[in-house]
Amino acid sequence: TLGLELLENVDLRPSLVELSQPWLRLYGRLDALVPIKTEPVLSAQYP
């Protein structure tokens, strides 16, 4: 139940500017849960 609440409510996007570590994002192009459309958005916002 807590996990579903986190999936529903957590939004870390505003905090990502604070990440100082090297960060690798891995995606499945056919993923039905994490749309691949988010990949270029994050790449542009967090180069």
All heavy atoms as atom14 arrays in JSON, in Angstrom:
{
  "sequence": "TLGLELLENVDLRPSLVELSQPWLRLYGRLDALVPIKTEPVLSAQYP",
  "atom14_mask": [
    [1, 1, 1, 1, 1, 1, 1, 0, 0, 0, 0, 0, 0, 0],
    [1, 1, 1, 1, 1, 1, 1, 1, 0, 0, 0, 0, 0, 0],
    [1, 1, 1, 1, 0, 0, 0, 0, 0, 0, 0, 0, 0, 0],
    [1, 1, 1, 1, 1, 1, 1, 1, 0, 0, 0, 0, 0, 0],
    [1, 1, 1, 1, 1, 1, 1, 1, 1, 0, 0, 0, 0, 0],
    [1, 1, 1, 1, 1, 1, 1, 1, 0, 0, 0, 0, 0, 0],
    [1, 1, 1, 1, 1, 1, 1, 1, 0, 0, 0, 0, 0, 0],
    [1, 1, 1, 1, 1, 1, 1, 1, 1, 0, 0, 0, 0, 0],
    [1, 1, 1, 1, 1, 1, 1, 1, 0, 0, 0, 0, 0, 0],
    [1, 1, 1, 1, 1, 1, 1, 0, 0, 0, 0, 0, 0, 0],
    [1, 1, 1, 1, 1, 1, 1, 1, 0, 0, 0, 0, 0, 0],
    [1, 1, 1, 1, 1, 1, 1, 1, 0, 0, 0, 0, 0, 0],
    [1, 1, 1, 1, 1, 1, 1, 1, 1, 1, 1, 0, 0, 0],
    [1, 1, 1, 1, 1, 1, 1, 0, 0, 0, 0, 0, 0, 0],
    [1, 1, 1, 1, 1, 1, 0, 0, 0, 0, 0, 0, 0, 0],
    [1, 1, 1, 1, 1, 1, 1, 1, 0, 0, 0, 0, 0, 0],
    [1, 1, 1, 1, 1, 1, 1, 0, 0, 0, 0, 0, 0, 0],
    [1, 1, 1, 1, 1, 1, 1, 1, 1, 0, 0, 0, 0, 0],
    [1, 1, 1, 1, 1, 1, 1, 1, 0, 0, 0, 0, 0, 0],
    [1, 1, 1, 1, 1, 1, 0, 0, 0, 0, 0, 0, 0, 0],
    [1, 1, 1, 1, 1, 1, 1, 1, 1, 0, 0, 0, 0, 0],
    [1, 1, 1, 1, 1, 1, 1, 0, 0, 0, 0, 0, 0, 0],
    [1, 1, 1, 1, 1, 1, 1, 1, 1, 1, 1, 1, 1, 1],
    [1, 1, 1, 1, 1, 1, 1, 1, 0, 0, 0, 0, 0, 0],
    [1, 1, 1, 1, 1, 1, 1, 1, 1, 1, 1, 0, 0, 0],
    [1, 1, 1, 1, 1, 1, 1, 1, 0, 0, 0, 0, 0, 0],
    [1, 1, 1, 1, 1, 1, 1, 1, 1, 1, 1, 1, 0, 0],
    [1, 1, 1, 1, 0, 0, 0, 0, 0, 0, 0, 0, 0, 0],
    [1, 1, 1, 1, 1, 1, 1, 1, 1, 1, 1, 0, 0, 0],
    [1, 1, 1, 1, 1, 1, 1, 1, 0, 0, 0, 0, 0, 0],
    [1, 1, 1, 1, 1, 1, 1, 1, 0, 0, 0, 0, 0, 0],
    [1, 1, 1, 1, 1, 0, 0, 0, 0, 0, 0, 0, 0, 0],
    [1, 1, 1, 1, 1, 1, 1, 1, 0, 0, 0, 0, 0, 0],
    [1, 1, 1, 1, 1, 1, 1, 0, 0, 0, 0, 0, 0, 0],
    [1, 1, 1, 1, 1, 1, 1, 0, 0, 0, 0, 0, 0, 0],
    [1, 1, 1, 1, 1, 1, 1, 1, 0, 0, 0, 0, 0, 0],
    [1, 1, 1, 1, 1, 1, 1, 1, 1, 0, 0, 0, 0, 0],
    [1, 1, 1, 1, 1, 1, 1, 0, 0, 0, 0, 0, 0, 0],
    [1, 1, 1, 1, 1, 1, 1, 1, 1, 0, 0, 0, 0, 0],
    [1, 1, 1, 1, 1, 1, 1, 0, 0, 0, 0, 0, 0, 0],
    [1, 1, 1, 1, 1, 1, 1, 0, 0, 0, 0, 0, 0, 0],
    [1, 1, 1, 1, 1, 1, 1, 1, 0, 0, 0, 0, 0, 0],
    [1, 1, 1, 1, 1, 1, 0, 0, 0, 0, 0, 0, 0, 0],
    [1, 1, 1, 1, 1, 0, 0, 0, 0, 0, 0, 0, 0, 0],
    [1, 1, 1, 1, 1, 1, 1, 1, 1, 0, 0, 0, 0, 0],
    [1, 1, 1, 1, 1, 1, 1, 1, 1, 1, 1, 1, 0, 0],
    [1, 1, 1, 1, 1, 1, 1, 0, 0, 0, 0, 0, 0, 0]
  ],
  "atom14_positions": [
    [[0.83, -1.2, 0.0], [0.0, 0.0, 0.0], [0.86, 1.25, 0.0], [0.6, 2.2, -0.75], [-0.93, 0.0, 1.23], [-1.77, -1.16, 1.18], [-1.81, 1.25, 1.24], [0.0, 0.0, 0.0], [0.0, 0.0, 0.0], [0.0, 0.0, 0.0], [0.0, 0.0, 0.0], [0.0, 0.0, 0.0], [0.0, 0.0, 0.0], [0.0, 0.0, 0.0]],
    [[1.91, 1.25, 0.83], [2.82, 2.4, 0.86], [3.47, 2.58, -0.5], [3.6, 3.71, -1.0], [3.91, 2.18, 1.92], [5.05, 3.21, 1.92], [4.52, 4.62, 2.2], [6.12, 2.82, 2.95], [0.0, 0.0, 0.0], [0.0, 0.0, 0.0], [0.0, 0.0, 0.0], [0.0, 0.0, 0.0], [0.0, 0.0, 0.0], [0.0, 0.0, 0.0]],
    [[3.88, 1.48, -1.12], [4.51, 1.56, -2.44], [3.61, 2.22, -3.47], [4.06, 3.06, -4.26], [0.0, 0.0, 0.0], [0.0, 0.0, 0.0], [0.0, 0.0, 0.0], [0.0, 0.0, 0.0], [0.0, 0.0, 0.0], [0.0, 0.0, 0.0], [0.0, 0.0, 0.0], [0.0, 0.0, 0.0], [0.0, 0.0, 0.0], [0.0, 0.0, 0.0]],
    [[2.34, 1.84, -3.48], [1.39, 2.45, -4.41], [1.22, 3.93, -4.12], [1.09, 4.76, -5.04], [0.05, 1.74, -4.34], [-0.01, 0.33, -4.97], [-1.41, -0.26, -4.83], [0.4, 0.36, -6.45], [0.0, 0.0, 0.0], [0.0, 0.0, 0.0], [0.0, 0.0, 0.0], [0.0, 0.0, 0.0], [0.0, 0.0, 0.0], [0.0, 0.0, 0.0]],
    [[1.22, 4.28, -2.83], [1.1, 5.7, -2.46], [2.3, 6.49, -2.96], [2.16, 7.64, -3.42], [0.96, 5.82, -0.94], [-0.37, 5.31, -0.4], [-0.41, 5.29, 1.13], [0.63, 5.62, 1.75], [-1.47, 4.95, 1.68], [0.0, 0.0, 0.0], [0.0, 0.0, 0.0], [0.0, 0.0, 0.0], [0.0, 0.0, 0.0], [0.0, 0.0, 0.0]],
    [[3.48, 5.89, -2.88], [4.68, 6.57, -3.37], [4.63, 6.73, -4.89], [4.98, 7.8, -5.42], [5.93, 5.78, -2.96], [6.2, 5.65, -1.46], [7.48, 4.84, -1.22], [6.31, 7.01, -0.8], [0.0, 0.0, 0.0], [0.0, 0.0, 0.0], [0.0, 0.0, 0.0], [0.0, 0.0, 0.0], [0.0, 0.0, 0.0], [0.0, 0.0, 0.0]],
    [[4.2, 5.68, -5.58], [4.08, 5.77, -7.04], [3.09, 6.86, -7.44], [3.26, 7.53, -8.46], [3.64, 4.42, -7.61], [4.65, 3.28, -7.56], [4.02, 1.98, -8.02], [5.89, 3.61, -8.4], [0.0, 0.0, 0.0], [0.0, 0.0, 0.0], [0.0, 0.0, 0.0], [0.0, 0.0, 0.0], [0.0, 0.0, 0.0], [0.0, 0.0, 0.0]],
    [[2.07, 7.03, -6.63], [1.03, 8.02, -6.95], [1.44, 9.44, -6.6], [1.14, 10.38, -7.34], [-0.24, 7.68, -6.17], [-1.4, 8.66, -6.43], [-2.65, 8.29, -5.68], [-2.65, 7.28, -4.95], [-3.65, 9.02, -5.82], [0.0, 0.0, 0.0], [0.0, 0.0, 0.0], [0.0, 0.0, 0.0], [0.0, 0.0, 0.0], [0.0, 0.0, 0.0]],
    [[2.18, 9.61, -5.51], [2.38, 10.97, -4.97], [3.78, 11.55, -5.1], [3.93, 12.77, -5.13], [1.99, 10.98, -3.48], [0.53, 10.64, -3.26], [-0.34, 11.17, -3.94], [0.25, 9.75, -2.31], [0.0, 0.0, 0.0], [0.0, 0.0, 0.0], [0.0, 0.0, 0.0], [0.0, 0.0, 0.0], [0.0, 0.0, 0.0], [0.0, 0.0, 0.0]],
    [[4.8, 10.7, -5.17], [6.16, 11.23, -5.18], [6.48, 11.88, -6.53], [6.22, 11.31, -7.59], [7.19, 10.13, -4.87], [8.61, 10.62, -5.13], [7.05, 9.66, -3.42], [0.0, 0.0, 0.0], [0.0, 0.0, 0.0], [0.0, 0.0, 0.0], [0.0, 0.0, 0.0], [0.0, 0.0, 0.0], [0.0, 0.0, 0.0], [0.0, 0.0, 0.0]],
    [[7.04, 13.07, -6.47], [7.5, 13.78, -7.67], [8.85, 14.41, -7.33], [8.92, 15.45, -6.69], [6.49, 14.85, -8.08], [6.87, 15.53, -9.39], [7.96, 15.25, -9.91], [6.07, 16.36, -9.88], [0.0, 0.0, 0.0], [0.0, 0.0, 0.0], [0.0, 0.0, 0.0], [0.0, 0.0, 0.0], [0.0, 0.0, 0.0], [0.0, 0.0, 0.0]],
    [[9.92, 13.75, -7.75], [11.27, 14.21, -7.43], [11.83, 15.18, -8.47], [12.96, 15.64, -8.33], [12.22, 13.01, -7.31], [11.94, 12.02, -6.17], [12.98, 10.9, -6.18], [11.93, 12.72, -4.82], [0.0, 0.0, 0.0], [0.0, 0.0, 0.0], [0.0, 0.0, 0.0], [0.0, 0.0, 0.0], [0.0, 0.0, 0.0], [0.0, 0.0, 0.0]],
    [[11.05, 15.49, -9.49], [11.58, 16.32, -10.58], [12.19, 17.64, -10.1], [13.29, 18.01, -10.54], [10.49, 16.58, -11.63], [10.14, 15.34, -12.45], [9.02, 15.66, -13.43], [7.78, 15.99, -12.73], [6.72, 16.58, -13.31], [6.78, 16.9, -14.59], [5.64, 16.83, -12.61], [0.0, 0.0, 0.0], [0.0, 0.0, 0.0], [0.0, 0.0, 0.0]],
    [[11.54, 18.37, -9.19], [12.14, 19.64, -8.76], [13.46, 19.48, -8.02], [14.28, 20.39, -8.0], [11.07, 20.22, -7.82], [9.79, 19.56, -8.21], [10.2, 18.17, -8.61], [0.0, 0.0, 0.0], [0.0, 0.0, 0.0], [0.0, 0.0, 0.0], [0.0, 0.0, 0.0], [0.0, 0.0, 0.0], [0.0, 0.0, 0.0], [0.0, 0.0, 0.0]],
    [[13.67, 18.3, -7.42], [14.89, 18.08, -6.63], [16.07, 17.59, -7.46], [17.21, 17.59, -6.98], [14.61, 17.04, -5.53], [13.55, 17.46, -4.7], [0.0, 0.0, 0.0], [0.0, 0.0, 0.0], [0.0, 0.0, 0.0], [0.0, 0.0, 0.0], [0.0, 0.0, 0.0], [0.0, 0.0, 0.0], [0.0, 0.0, 0.0], [0.0, 0.0, 0.0]],
    [[15.81, 17.18, -8.7], [16.87, 16.57, -9.49], [18.03, 17.52, -9.8], [19.15, 17.08, -10.06], [16.3, 16.02, -10.8], [15.31, 14.85, -10.64], [14.78, 14.41, -12.01], [15.95, 13.67, -9.92], [0.0, 0.0, 0.0], [0.0, 0.0, 0.0], [0.0, 0.0, 0.0], [0.0, 0.0, 0.0], [0.0, 0.0, 0.0], [0.0, 0.0, 0.0]],
    [[17.77, 18.82, -9.75], [18.84, 19.79, -9.99], [19.91, 19.69, -8.9], [21.04, 20.16, -9.1], [18.29, 21.23, -10.05], [17.4, 21.41, -11.27], [17.51, 21.58, -8.77], [0.0, 0.0, 0.0], [0.0, 0.0, 0.0], [0.0, 0.0, 0.0], [0.0, 0.0, 0.0], [0.0, 0.0, 0.0], [0.0, 0.0, 0.0], [0.0, 0.0, 0.0]],
    [[19.56, 19.1, -7.76], [20.51, 18.98, -6.66], [21.42, 17.76, -6.8], [22.39, 17.63, -6.05], [19.74, 18.89, -5.33], [18.86, 20.09, -5.04], [17.96, 19.86, -3.83], [18.3, 18.97, -3.01], [16.93, 20.53, -3.71], [0.0, 0.0, 0.0], [0.0, 0.0, 0.0], [0.0, 0.0, 0.0], [0.0, 0.0, 0.0], [0.0, 0.0, 0.0]],
    [[21.1, 16.88, -7.74], [21.94, 15.69, -7.93], [23.32, 16.1, -8.43], [23.46, 16.74, -9.47], [21.3, 14.73, -8.93], [20.23, 13.77, -8.43], [19.71, 12.93, -9.6], [20.76, 12.86, -7.33], [0.0, 0.0, 0.0], [0.0, 0.0, 0.0], [0.0, 0.0, 0.0], [0.0, 0.0, 0.0], [0.0, 0.0, 0.0], [0.0, 0.0, 0.0]],
    [[24.34, 15.71, -7.7], [25.71, 16.05, -8.1], [26.45, 14.84, -8.66], [27.5, 14.99, -9.29], [26.47, 16.61, -6.89], [26.44, 15.67, -5.81], [0.0, 0.0, 0.0], [0.0, 0.0, 0.0], [0.0, 0.0, 0.0], [0.0, 0.0, 0.0], [0.0, 0.0, 0.0], [0.0, 0.0, 0.0], [0.0, 0.0, 0.0], [0.0, 0.0, 0.0]],
    [[25.9, 13.65, -8.44], [26.57, 12.43, -8.87], [26.35, 12.16, -10.36], [25.36, 12.59, -10.94], [26.03, 11.22, -8.09], [26.13, 11.34, -6.59], [24.86, 11.92, -5.98], [24.16, 12.7, -6.62], [24.58, 11.54, -4.76], [0.0, 0.0, 0.0], [0.0, 0.0, 0.0], [0.0, 0.0, 0.0], [0.0, 0.0, 0.0], [0.0, 0.0, 0.0]],
    [[27.27, 11.42, -10.99], [26.99, 10.89, -12.33], [25.72, 10.05, -12.26], [25.54, 9.25, -11.33], [28.21, 10.03, -12.63], [29.31, 10.62, -11.79], [28.63, 11.07, -10.53], [0.0, 0.0, 0.0], [0.0, 0.0, 0.0], [0.0, 0.0, 0.0], [0.0, 0.0, 0.0], [0.0, 0.0, 0.0], [0.0, 0.0, 0.0], [0.0, 0.0, 0.0]],
    [[24.84, 10.22, -13.25], [23.52, 9.58, -13.22], [23.24, 8.94, -14.57], [23.28, 9.59, -15.6], [22.46, 10.63, -12.87], [21.04, 10.16, -12.9], [20.58, 8.89, -12.76], [19.88, 10.98, -13.08], [19.2, 8.87, -12.82], [18.75, 10.13, -13.02], [19.69, 12.35, -13.27], [17.44, 10.62, -13.17], [18.4, 12.84, -13.41], [17.29, 11.97, -13.35]],
    [[22.97, 7.64, -14.55], [22.62, 6.9, -15.76], [21.17, 6.45, -15.67], [20.77, 5.79, -14.72], [23.52, 5.67, -15.92], [23.19, 4.72, -17.07], [23.35, 5.41, -18.43], [24.05, 3.46, -16.99], [0.0, 0.0, 0.0], [0.0, 0.0, 0.0], [0.0, 0.0, 0.0], [0.0, 0.0, 0.0], [0.0, 0.0, 0.0], [0.0, 0.0, 0.0]],
    [[20.38, 6.8, -16.69], [18.97, 6.4, -16.76], [18.82, 5.34, -17.85], [19.16, 5.57, -19.0], [18.1, 7.62, -17.09], [18.14, 8.7, -16.03], [17.4, 9.99, -16.44], [18.14, 10.74, -17.44], [17.78, 10.9, -18.7], [16.68, 10.32, -19.15], [18.52, 11.61, -19.53], [0.0, 0.0, 0.0], [0.0, 0.0, 0.0], [0.0, 0.0, 0.0]],
    [[18.29, 4.17, -17.47], [18.1, 3.07, -18.41], [16.61, 2.87, -18.67], [15.81, 2.85, -17.74], [18.7, 1.78, -17.85], [20.19, 1.83, -17.5], [20.67, 0.48, -16.98], [21.03, 2.26, -18.71], [0.0, 0.0, 0.0], [0.0, 0.0, 0.0], [0.0, 0.0, 0.0], [0.0, 0.0, 0.0], [0.0, 0.0, 0.0], [0.0, 0.0, 0.0]],
    [[16.25, 2.7, -19.95], [14.85, 2.59, -20.34], [14.63, 1.4, -21.26], [15.52, 1.0, -22.02], [14.4, 3.85, -21.1], [14.47, 5.13, -20.33], [15.63, 5.9, -20.34], [13.38, 5.59, -19.6], [15.7, 7.1, -19.65], [13.44, 6.79, -18.9], [14.6, 7.53, -18.93], [14.67, 8.72, -18.23], [0.0, 0.0, 0.0], [0.0, 0.0, 0.0]],
    [[13.41, 0.87, -21.22], [12.95, -0.07, -22.23], [12.04, 0.7, -23.18], [11.09, 1.34, -22.75], [0.0, 0.0, 0.0], [0.0, 0.0, 0.0], [0.0, 0.0, 0.0], [0.0, 0.0, 0.0], [0.0, 0.0, 0.0], [0.0, 0.0, 0.0], [0.0, 0.0, 0.0], [0.0, 0.0, 0.0], [0.0, 0.0, 0.0], [0.0, 0.0, 0.0]],
    [[12.33, 0.66, -24.46], [11.54, 1.45, -25.42], [10.08, 1.05, -25.42], [9.2, 1.86, -25.73], [12.14, 1.29, -26.83], [11.47, 2.16, -27.89], [12.11, 1.98, -29.26], [11.96, 0.62, -29.75], [10.87, 0.18, -30.39], [9.85, 0.99, -30.61], [10.81, -1.08, -30.82], [0.0, 0.0, 0.0], [0.0, 0.0, 0.0], [0.0, 0.0, 0.0]],
    [[9.78, -0.2, -25.06], [8.42, -0.71, -25.12], [7.74, -0.73, -23.75], [6.69, -1.33, -23.59], [8.44, -2.13, -25.71], [9.17, -2.25, -27.06], [9.26, -3.71, -27.48], [8.47, -1.44, -28.13], [0.0, 0.0, 0.0], [0.0, 0.0, 0.0], [0.0, 0.0, 0.0], [0.0, 0.0, 0.0], [0.0, 0.0, 0.0], [0.0, 0.0, 0.0]],
    [[8.34, -0.05, -22.78], [7.84, -0.05, -21.41], [6.45, 0.57, -21.31], [6.24, 1.71, -21.74], [8.82, 0.73, -20.52], [8.61, 0.48, -19.04], [7.52, 0.07, -18.64], [9.57, 0.72, -18.28], [0.0, 0.0, 0.0], [0.0, 0.0, 0.0], [0.0, 0.0, 0.0], [0.0, 0.0, 0.0], [0.0, 0.0, 0.0], [0.0, 0.0, 0.0]],
    [[5.49, -0.17, -20.73], [4.13, 0.34, -20.57], [3.95, 1.1, -19.27], [2.93, 1.77, -19.08], [3.14, -0.84, -20.62], [0.0, 0.0, 0.0], [0.0, 0.0, 0.0], [0.0, 0.0, 0.0], [0.0, 0.0, 0.0], [0.0, 0.0, 0.0], [0.0, 0.0, 0.0], [0.0, 0.0, 0.0], [0.0, 0.0, 0.0], [0.0, 0.0, 0.0]],
    [[4.93, 1.04, -18.37], [4.81, 1.72, -17.07], [5.61, 3.02, -17.01], [5.22, 3.96, -16.31], [5.28, 0.78, -15.95], [4.37, -0.43, -15.69], [5.06, -1.42, -14.77], [3.05, 0.02, -15.09], [0.0, 0.0, 0.0], [0.0, 0.0, 0.0], [0.0, 0.0, 0.0], [0.0, 0.0, 0.0], [0.0, 0.0, 0.0], [0.0, 0.0, 0.0]],
    [[6.72, 3.07, -17.72], [7.53, 4.29, -17.79], [7.65, 4.67, -19.27], [8.53, 4.17, -19.97], [8.92, 4.08, -17.17], [9.77, 5.35, -17.28], [8.8, 3.66, -15.71], [0.0, 0.0, 0.0], [0.0, 0.0, 0.0], [0.0, 0.0, 0.0], [0.0, 0.0, 0.0], [0.0, 0.0, 0.0], [0.0, 0.0, 0.0], [0.0, 0.0, 0.0]],
    [[6.74, 5.52, -19.74], [6.71, 5.87, -21.17], [8.05, 6.42, -21.65], [8.66, 7.26, -20.99], [5.61, 6.93, -21.25], [4.75, 6.67, -20.05], [5.68, 6.19, -18.99], [0.0, 0.0, 0.0], [0.0, 0.0, 0.0], [0.0, 0.0, 0.0], [0.0, 0.0, 0.0], [0.0, 0.0, 0.0], [0.0, 0.0, 0.0], [0.0, 0.0, 0.0]],
    [[8.5, 5.95, -22.8], [9.79, 6.38, -23.34], [9.79, 7.88, -23.66], [10.85, 8.5, -23.79], [10.13, 5.54, -24.6], [11.62, 5.7, -24.97], [9.23, 5.9, -25.76], [12.58, 5.26, -23.9], [0.0, 0.0, 0.0], [0.0, 0.0, 0.0], [0.0, 0.0, 0.0], [0.0, 0.0, 0.0], [0.0, 0.0, 0.0], [0.0, 0.0, 0.0]],
    [[8.6, 8.48, -23.73], [8.51, 9.93, -23.98], [9.2, 10.75, -22.9], [9.59, 11.9, -23.13], [7.04, 10.35, -24.07], [6.3, 9.87, -25.31], [4.86, 10.35, -25.3], [4.1, 9.87, -26.53], [2.68, 10.32, -26.52], [0.0, 0.0, 0.0], [0.0, 0.0, 0.0], [0.0, 0.0, 0.0], [0.0, 0.0, 0.0], [0.0, 0.0, 0.0]],
    [[9.35, 10.17, -21.71], [9.99, 10.93, -20.63], [11.5, 11.02, -20.8], [12.14, 11.9, -20.23], [9.68, 10.29, -19.26], [10.23, 8.96, -19.21], [8.18, 10.22, -19.02], [0.0, 0.0, 0.0], [0.0, 0.0, 0.0], [0.0, 0.0, 0.0], [0.0, 0.0, 0.0], [0.0, 0.0, 0.0], [0.0, 0.0, 0.0], [0.0, 0.0, 0.0]],
    [[12.08, 10.11, -21.58], [13.54, 10.08, -21.72], [14.11, 11.36, -22.31], [15.01, 11.98, -21.72], [13.95, 8.85, -22.54], [15.46, 8.65, -22.64], [16.1, 9.44, -23.77], [15.43, 9.65, -24.79], [17.27, 9.86, -23.62], [0.0, 0.0, 0.0], [0.0, 0.0, 0.0], [0.0, 0.0, 0.0], [0.0, 0.0, 0.0], [0.0, 0.0, 0.0]],
    [[13.61, 11.84, -23.48], [14.18, 13.07, -24.02], [13.89, 14.3, -23.17], [14.68, 15.25, -23.16], [13.52, 13.18, -25.41], [12.29, 12.35, -25.33], [12.62, 11.24, -24.39], [0.0, 0.0, 0.0], [0.0, 0.0, 0.0], [0.0, 0.0, 0.0], [0.0, 0.0, 0.0], [0.0, 0.0, 0.0], [0.0, 0.0, 0.0], [0.0, 0.0, 0.0]],
    [[12.78, 14.28, -22.44], [12.45, 15.41, -21.57], [13.49, 15.54, -20.47], [14.03, 16.62, -20.21], [11.03, 15.24, -20.96], [10.76, 16.34, -19.94], [9.98, 15.24, -22.04], [0.0, 0.0, 0.0], [0.0, 0.0, 0.0], [0.0, 0.0, 0.0], [0.0, 0.0, 0.0], [0.0, 0.0, 0.0], [0.0, 0.0, 0.0], [0.0, 0.0, 0.0]],
    [[13.81, 14.42, -19.82], [14.8, 14.45, -18.75], [16.2, 14.72, -19.3], [17.01, 15.39, -18.65], [14.78, 13.13, -17.98], [13.56, 12.9, -17.09], [13.6, 11.5, -16.48], [13.47, 13.94, -15.99], [0.0, 0.0, 0.0], [0.0, 0.0, 0.0], [0.0, 0.0, 0.0], [0.0, 0.0, 0.0], [0.0, 0.0, 0.0], [0.0, 0.0, 0.0]],
    [[16.49, 14.22, -20.49], [17.79, 14.47, -21.1], [18.0, 15.96, -21.35], [19.1, 16.49, -21.18], [17.93, 13.69, -22.41], [17.99, 12.3, -22.17], [0.0, 0.0, 0.0], [0.0, 0.0, 0.0], [0.0, 0.0, 0.0], [0.0, 0.0, 0.0], [0.0, 0.0, 0.0], [0.0, 0.0, 0.0], [0.0, 0.0, 0.0], [0.0, 0.0, 0.0]],
    [[16.93, 16.64, -21.75], [17.01, 18.08, -22.02], [17.1, 18.88, -20.72], [17.86, 19.86, -20.64], [15.8, 18.53, -22.83], [0.0, 0.0, 0.0], [0.0, 0.0, 0.0], [0.0, 0.0, 0.0], [0.0, 0.0, 0.0], [0.0, 0.0, 0.0], [0.0, 0.0, 0.0], [0.0, 0.0, 0.0], [0.0, 0.0, 0.0], [0.0, 0.0, 0.0]],
    [[16.33, 18.45, -19.71], [16.29, 19.21, -18.45], [17.51, 18.95, -17.57], [17.91, 19.81, -16.79], [15.02, 18.87, -17.69], [13.75, 19.36, -18.38], [12.49, 18.98, -17.62], [12.52, 18.15, -16.71], [11.37, 19.58, -17.99], [0.0, 0.0, 0.0], [0.0, 0.0, 0.0], [0.0, 0.0, 0.0], [0.0, 0.0, 0.0], [0.0, 0.0, 0.0]],
    [[18.08, 17.74, -17.69], [19.21, 17.37, -16.83], [20.35, 16.83, -17.69], [20.63, 15.63, -17.71], [18.76, 16.34, -15.78], [17.55, 16.82, -15.02], [16.28, 16.36, -15.34], [17.67, 17.8, -14.03], [15.16, 16.83, -14.68], [16.55, 18.27, -13.37], [15.31, 17.79, -13.69], [14.19, 18.27, -13.04], [0.0, 0.0, 0.0], [0.0, 0.0, 0.0]],
    [[21.0, 17.73, -18.46], [22.03, 17.31, -19.4], [23.26, 16.68, -18.74], [24.08, 16.07, -19.42], [22.39, 18.62, -20.13], [21.98, 19.7, -19.18], [20.79, 19.19, -18.47], [0.0, 0.0, 0.0], [0.0, 0.0, 0.0], [0.0, 0.0, 0.0], [0.0, 0.0, 0.0], [0.0, 0.0, 0.0], [0.0, 0.0, 0.0], [0.0, 0.0, 0.0]]
  ]
}
